[in-house]
Amino acid sequence: MPPTIVVAATPEPPKPQGRPGPVARAAAAVPPPALVLVSIVSIQLGAAVAVNLFDALGPVSTTFLRIALSAVLLLVVRRRQIDARARHHVGLLLLFGLVIAATNLAFYGAIARIPLGVAVAIEFVGPLGVAALASRRLKEFLWIGLAVAGLVLLTPDIGGELDPFGVGLALVAGAGWASFVLVSPRVAREVGDAGLALAMAAAGLITLPFAFAAGGLERLDFGLLAGALAVAILSTALPLSLEFEALKRLTARAYGIMVTLEPVAALLVGTLVLSQAPPPNALVAIACITIAAIGVNLSDRRGSEMASSTPG
């Protein structure tokens, strides 16, 4: 039987670390669902900006710039929270960096070949799998089934007009996303809030050889650098920081279903920013996904309240 995945159900004794900065304190004061919603919108806007950089830089070099610039931003914010724990968990940080690098490379390769909304929908095989493994009650499986129905409606052309390599890359990105959900809480426990920044720096080093091999960095100018910085902030630094904080206080199942709003945001951004028309049945799919996201969060809140009222 698969283990129950809980992000912060049984808190461990706090480990010493530096005083949280103003960004961390502000994020900690916001309800986890709100953090995830802001992250959702930010990621899709960043992806739309990235698509416009592909002609000049290519998806691989765009990925490297996104990660490298994000690492710099996060290290600046978290520099005072880096302590001796990082040296004791180098392997964990390298694993987390590899997950981040592989997920980003696969996702940008996918959206270079297939529409943004479809790529994000396919990517959801990953977090939905995590949600399914963490589920135990019939009601939870019903919400997951409704979300899956929405995803099926969002991807009617798989195996037809869609580039099969792009679909494959989206599936790889989904596996990476699921890995992020599972590894992130451990990094938070063992390394603290600086863990994401250090892992992002490792991801930058991992993607650098791929960027040199693919080419595109030689065409970098001020305008492209500004665009890459916008992508770094919108698609990585801001949303990953928000999700890193949210995953401390959300169960993996609740997170896995709530972020099914990602394809909704991707469809809207793809339509409004990239002129990628959504499929005719998109409204029904959006309704299914939205209802599932609301349902799992209400169910999770009731479960948490019941647990907190139980003695011992």
Protein backbone atom coordinates (compact mmCIF):
# COMPACT_ATOMS: atom_id res chain seq x y z
CA MET A 1 0.00 0.00 0.00
CA PRO A 2 1.48 3.42 -0.96
CA PRO A 3 2.39 5.73 1.92
CA THR A 4 0.11 8.57 2.88
CA ILE A 5 1.76 11.78 1.69
CA VAL A 6 1.33 14.57 4.21
CA VAL A 7 3.26 17.81 3.99
CA ALA A 8 2.97 19.05 7.56
CA ALA A 9 0.60 16.77 9.46
CA THR A 10 3.05 16.03 12.30
CA PRO A 11 5.45 18.94 12.82
CA GLU A 12 8.97 18.08 13.90
CA PRO A 13 10.78 20.09 16.58
CA PRO A 14 11.90 23.32 14.93
CA LYS A 15 15.48 23.46 13.78
CA PRO A 16 17.47 26.63 14.35
CA GLN A 17 17.60 28.99 11.39
CA GLY A 18 17.89 32.68 10.68
CA ARG A 19 15.06 35.07 11.32
CA PRO A 20 12.58 35.00 8.40
CA GLY A 21 12.74 37.98 6.07
CA PRO A 22 9.78 40.23 5.23
CA VAL A 23 8.90 38.18 2.12
CA ALA A 24 8.79 34.94 4.12
CA ARG A 25 6.74 36.54 6.91
CA ALA A 26 4.25 37.97 4.41
CA ALA A 27 3.89 34.61 2.61
CA ALA A 28 3.39 32.78 5.91
CA ALA A 29 0.48 35.11 6.77
CA VAL A 30 -1.42 34.29 3.55
CA PRO A 31 -3.71 31.21 3.37
CA PRO A 32 -2.05 28.41 1.36
CA PRO A 33 -4.83 28.27 -1.31
CA ALA A 34 -4.31 31.97 -2.06
CA LEU A 35 -0.57 31.39 -2.48
CA VAL A 36 -1.26 28.61 -4.97
CA LEU A 37 -3.76 30.72 -6.97
CA VAL A 38 -1.31 33.61 -7.34
CA SER A 39 1.35 31.09 -8.37
CA ILE A 40 -0.95 29.62 -11.03
CA VAL A 41 -1.56 32.95 -12.76
CA SER A 42 2.08 33.98 -12.51
CA ILE A 43 3.39 30.76 -14.06
CA GLN A 44 1.16 30.99 -17.12
CA LEU A 45 1.96 34.64 -17.75
CA GLY A 46 5.64 33.79 -17.55
CA ALA A 47 5.19 30.90 -19.97
CA ALA A 48 3.54 33.24 -22.47
CA VAL A 49 6.50 35.62 -22.26
CA ALA A 50 8.89 32.66 -22.70
CA VAL A 51 7.18 31.49 -25.89
CA ASN A 52 7.97 34.86 -27.41
CA LEU A 53 11.68 34.36 -26.62
CA PHE A 54 11.94 30.97 -28.33
CA ASP A 55 12.56 32.35 -31.84
CA ALA A 56 15.67 34.21 -30.70
CA LEU A 57 16.99 32.05 -27.86
CA GLY A 58 15.37 28.65 -28.29
CA PRO A 59 13.57 26.77 -25.50
CA VAL A 60 16.73 25.30 -23.91
CA SER A 61 18.61 28.59 -23.53
CA THR A 62 15.40 30.28 -22.38
CA THR A 63 15.11 27.57 -19.72
CA PHE A 64 18.68 28.16 -18.57
CA LEU A 65 18.19 31.93 -18.30
CA ARG A 66 14.91 31.44 -16.45
CA ILE A 67 16.55 29.15 -13.88
CA ALA A 68 19.84 31.04 -13.55
CA LEU A 69 18.19 34.43 -13.04
CA SER A 70 15.70 32.87 -10.63
CA ALA A 71 18.57 31.40 -8.62
CA VAL A 72 20.20 34.81 -8.31
CA LEU A 73 16.94 36.42 -7.16
CA LEU A 74 16.19 33.69 -4.63
CA LEU A 75 19.73 33.63 -3.25
CA VAL A 76 19.57 37.38 -2.67
CA VAL A 77 16.30 37.00 -0.77
CA ARG A 78 17.35 33.90 1.22
CA ARG A 79 21.07 34.58 1.71
CA ARG A 80 20.78 35.12 5.47
CA GLN A 81 18.94 31.82 5.91
CA ILE A 82 21.71 29.68 4.42
CA ASP A 83 23.36 27.77 7.27
CA ALA A 84 25.35 24.62 8.01
CA ARG A 85 22.39 22.36 7.20
CA ALA A 86 23.02 22.89 3.50
CA ARG A 87 26.42 21.17 3.74
CA HIS A 88 24.84 18.14 5.39
CA HIS A 89 22.21 17.75 2.65
CA VAL A 90 24.15 18.40 -0.55
CA GLY A 91 22.77 15.22 -2.14
CA LEU A 92 19.19 16.22 -1.41
CA LEU A 93 19.77 19.69 -2.85
CA LEU A 94 21.34 18.24 -5.99
CA LEU A 95 18.36 15.89 -6.38
CA PHE A 96 15.96 18.80 -5.99
CA GLY A 97 17.99 20.81 -8.51
CA LEU A 98 17.86 17.94 -10.99
CA VAL A 99 14.08 17.75 -10.60
CA ILE A 100 13.73 21.49 -11.23
CA ALA A 101 16.07 21.40 -14.25
CA ALA A 102 14.41 18.37 -15.88
CA THR A 103 10.89 19.72 -15.31
CA ASN A 104 11.70 23.10 -16.83
CA LEU A 105 13.59 21.71 -19.83
CA ALA A 106 10.79 19.27 -20.62
CA PHE A 107 8.00 21.83 -20.17
CA TYR A 108 9.60 24.50 -22.36
CA GLY A 109 10.35 21.87 -24.99
CA ALA A 110 6.67 20.91 -24.88
CA ILE A 111 5.21 24.41 -25.23
CA ALA A 112 7.55 25.04 -28.15
CA ARG A 113 5.71 22.23 -29.97
CA ILE A 114 2.13 22.12 -28.68
CA PRO A 115 -0.31 24.78 -27.38
CA LEU A 116 0.23 26.06 -23.85
CA GLY A 117 -3.16 24.97 -22.50
CA VAL A 118 -2.84 21.44 -23.88
CA ALA A 119 0.73 21.07 -22.59
CA VAL A 120 -0.29 22.09 -19.08
CA ALA A 121 -3.27 19.71 -19.16
CA ILE A 122 -1.07 16.77 -20.16
CA GLU A 123 1.47 17.76 -17.50
CA PHE A 124 -1.21 17.17 -14.90
CA VAL A 125 -0.71 13.43 -15.09
CA GLY A 126 2.02 14.02 -12.49
CA PRO A 127 0.30 15.91 -9.65
CA LEU A 128 -2.96 14.03 -10.18
CA GLY A 129 -1.01 10.80 -9.68
CA VAL A 130 0.26 12.16 -6.37
CA ALA A 131 -3.28 13.09 -5.37
CA ALA A 132 -4.52 9.60 -6.26
CA LEU A 133 -1.79 7.92 -4.17
CA ALA A 134 -2.63 10.13 -1.17
CA SER A 135 -6.38 9.50 -1.35
CA ARG A 136 -8.24 7.04 0.85
CA ARG A 137 -11.95 7.99 0.90
CA LEU A 138 -14.48 7.50 -1.89
CA LYS A 139 -15.32 11.22 -1.95
CA GLU A 140 -11.68 12.04 -2.66
CA PHE A 141 -11.59 9.68 -5.63
CA LEU A 142 -14.78 11.25 -6.98
CA TRP A 143 -13.12 14.70 -6.98
CA ILE A 144 -10.07 13.22 -8.70
CA GLY A 145 -12.30 11.55 -11.28
CA LEU A 146 -14.03 14.85 -12.02
CA ALA A 147 -10.67 16.56 -12.47
CA VAL A 148 -9.48 13.79 -14.78
CA ALA A 149 -12.65 14.16 -16.85
CA GLY A 150 -11.85 17.85 -17.23
CA LEU A 151 -8.31 17.08 -18.33
CA VAL A 152 -9.56 14.59 -20.91
CA LEU A 153 -11.82 17.28 -22.34
CA LEU A 154 -8.87 19.68 -22.52
CA THR A 155 -6.76 17.26 -24.54
CA PRO A 156 -8.97 15.99 -27.38
CA ASP A 157 -6.24 15.97 -30.01
CA ILE A 158 -3.65 13.74 -28.32
CA GLY A 159 -2.50 11.19 -30.87
CA GLY A 160 -3.95 13.26 -33.70
CA GLU A 161 -2.80 16.75 -34.61
CA LEU A 162 -0.51 17.18 -31.61
CA ASP A 163 3.25 16.70 -31.99
CA PRO A 164 3.92 13.35 -30.26
CA PHE A 165 7.35 14.49 -29.06
CA GLY A 166 5.76 17.56 -27.50
CA VAL A 167 3.21 15.34 -25.77
CA GLY A 168 6.02 13.12 -24.48
CA LEU A 169 7.90 16.12 -23.11
CA ALA A 170 4.74 17.32 -21.35
CA LEU A 171 4.45 13.89 -19.69
CA VAL A 172 8.08 14.10 -18.55
CA ALA A 173 7.34 17.55 -17.13
CA GLY A 174 4.40 16.01 -15.28
CA ALA A 175 6.68 13.43 -13.68
CA GLY A 176 9.01 16.24 -12.67
CA TRP A 177 6.12 18.21 -11.19
CA ALA A 178 5.06 15.19 -9.11
CA SER A 179 8.64 14.83 -7.90
CA PHE A 180 8.69 18.50 -6.88
CA VAL A 181 5.57 17.94 -4.76
CA LEU A 182 7.20 14.98 -3.00
CA VAL A 183 10.74 16.34 -2.55
CA SER A 184 9.90 19.94 -1.65
CA PRO A 185 8.56 19.25 1.88
CA ARG A 186 11.66 17.25 2.78
CA VAL A 187 13.93 20.04 1.58
CA ALA A 188 11.91 22.48 3.66
CA ARG A 189 12.31 20.31 6.76
CA GLU A 190 15.98 19.51 6.36
CA VAL A 191 17.42 22.70 4.85
CA GLY A 192 14.82 25.37 5.58
CA ASP A 193 13.61 28.18 3.36
CA ALA A 194 17.03 28.56 1.71
CA GLY A 195 16.68 25.08 0.22
CA LEU A 196 14.78 26.25 -2.84
CA ALA A 197 17.34 28.94 -3.65
CA LEU A 198 20.26 26.51 -3.35
CA ALA A 199 18.48 23.87 -5.42
CA MET A 200 17.72 26.48 -8.08
CA ALA A 201 21.42 27.36 -8.25
CA ALA A 202 22.18 23.65 -8.73
CA ALA A 203 19.53 23.48 -11.48
CA GLY A 204 21.21 26.41 -13.25
CA LEU A 205 24.54 24.56 -13.29
CA ILE A 206 22.82 21.41 -14.55
CA THR A 207 21.13 23.22 -17.46
CA LEU A 208 24.16 25.32 -18.48
CA PRO A 209 25.83 22.61 -20.65
CA PHE A 210 22.53 22.00 -22.46
CA ALA A 211 22.25 25.73 -23.21
CA PHE A 212 25.77 25.85 -24.65
CA ALA A 213 25.04 22.78 -26.76
CA ALA A 214 21.70 24.11 -28.07
CA GLY A 215 22.95 27.64 -28.79
CA GLY A 216 21.07 30.91 -28.56
CA LEU A 217 22.93 32.61 -25.72
CA GLU A 218 25.22 34.33 -28.24
CA ARG A 219 22.21 36.33 -29.47
CA LEU A 220 21.41 37.66 -26.01
CA ASP A 221 20.92 41.43 -25.83
CA PHE A 222 19.42 43.83 -23.30
CA GLY A 223 15.87 43.37 -24.55
CA LEU A 224 16.07 39.56 -24.48
CA LEU A 225 17.73 39.69 -21.05
CA ALA A 226 14.87 41.84 -19.75
CA GLY A 227 12.38 39.34 -21.17
CA ALA A 228 14.24 36.45 -19.57
CA LEU A 229 14.25 38.28 -16.24
CA ALA A 230 10.47 38.72 -16.50
CA VAL A 231 10.14 34.99 -17.18
CA ALA A 232 12.37 34.20 -14.20
CA ILE A 233 10.25 36.28 -11.87
CA LEU A 234 6.84 35.25 -13.19
CA SER A 235 7.47 31.58 -13.93
CA THR A 236 10.00 30.52 -11.32
CA ALA A 237 11.12 32.83 -8.53
CA LEU A 238 7.68 34.07 -7.47
CA PRO A 239 5.50 30.94 -8.01
CA LEU A 240 8.01 28.39 -6.72
CA SER A 241 8.56 30.48 -3.60
CA LEU A 242 4.80 30.67 -3.07
CA GLU A 243 4.30 26.95 -3.66
CA PHE A 244 7.30 26.08 -1.47
CA GLU A 245 5.58 27.99 1.36
CA ALA A 246 2.13 26.56 0.56
CA LEU A 247 3.37 22.95 0.56
CA LYS A 248 4.41 23.35 4.19
CA ARG A 249 0.74 23.77 5.14
CA LEU A 250 -1.20 21.87 2.45
CA THR A 251 -1.49 18.12 2.07
CA ALA A 252 -0.05 16.78 -1.19
CA ARG A 253 -3.55 15.63 -2.17
CA ALA A 254 -5.08 19.07 -1.67
CA TYR A 255 -2.27 20.71 -3.59
CA GLY A 256 -2.44 18.14 -6.39
CA ILE A 257 -6.11 18.80 -7.03
CA MET A 258 -6.14 22.55 -6.39
CA VAL A 259 -3.50 23.21 -9.01
CA THR A 260 -5.74 21.61 -11.62
CA LEU A 261 -6.68 25.26 -12.13
CA GLU A 262 -3.39 25.52 -14.05
CA PRO A 263 -4.90 24.34 -17.38
CA VAL A 264 -7.71 26.87 -16.91
CA ALA A 265 -5.19 29.68 -16.50
CA ALA A 266 -3.10 28.31 -19.37
CA LEU A 267 -6.10 28.26 -21.71
CA LEU A 268 -7.03 31.83 -20.82
CA VAL A 269 -3.47 33.13 -21.15
CA GLY A 270 -2.93 31.16 -24.35
CA THR A 271 -6.08 32.66 -25.82
CA LEU A 272 -5.60 36.26 -24.68
CA VAL A 273 -1.82 36.58 -24.98
CA LEU A 274 -0.72 33.99 -27.55
CA SER A 275 -3.90 33.87 -29.69
CA GLN A 276 -4.14 30.09 -29.21
CA ALA A 277 -7.86 29.36 -29.51
CA PRO A 278 -9.11 26.86 -26.91
CA PRO A 279 -11.06 23.74 -27.98
CA PRO A 280 -14.86 24.10 -28.17
CA ASN A 281 -15.45 22.00 -25.05
CA ALA A 282 -13.04 24.08 -22.92
CA LEU A 283 -15.83 25.66 -20.85
CA VAL A 284 -17.10 22.26 -19.70
CA ALA A 285 -13.55 21.21 -18.87
CA ILE A 286 -12.96 24.41 -16.91
CA ALA A 287 -16.14 23.79 -14.90
CA CYS A 288 -15.08 20.22 -14.06
CA ILE A 289 -11.62 21.27 -12.93
CA THR A 290 -12.83 24.24 -10.92
CA ILE A 291 -15.48 22.20 -9.07
CA ALA A 292 -12.91 19.49 -8.31
CA ALA A 293 -10.42 22.05 -6.97
CA ILE A 294 -13.03 23.64 -4.70
CA GLY A 295 -14.36 20.26 -3.54
CA VAL A 296 -11.01 18.82 -2.52
CA ASN A 297 -10.08 21.94 -0.57
CA LEU A 298 -13.39 21.98 1.31
CA SER A 299 -13.01 18.27 2.04
CA ASP A 300 -9.40 18.72 3.16
CA ARG A 301 -10.36 21.61 5.48
CA ARG A 302 -13.08 19.53 7.14
CA GLY A 303 -10.63 16.67 7.56
CA SER A 304 -8.07 18.98 9.16
CA GLU A 305 -10.65 20.42 11.55
CA MET A 306 -11.72 16.93 12.61
CA ALA A 307 -8.10 15.92 13.17
CA SER A 308 -7.36 19.01 15.23
CA SER A 309 -10.38 18.36 17.49
CA THR A 310 -9.34 14.78 18.26
CA PRO A 311 -7.58 14.42 21.65
CA GLY A 312 -3.94 13.25 21.52
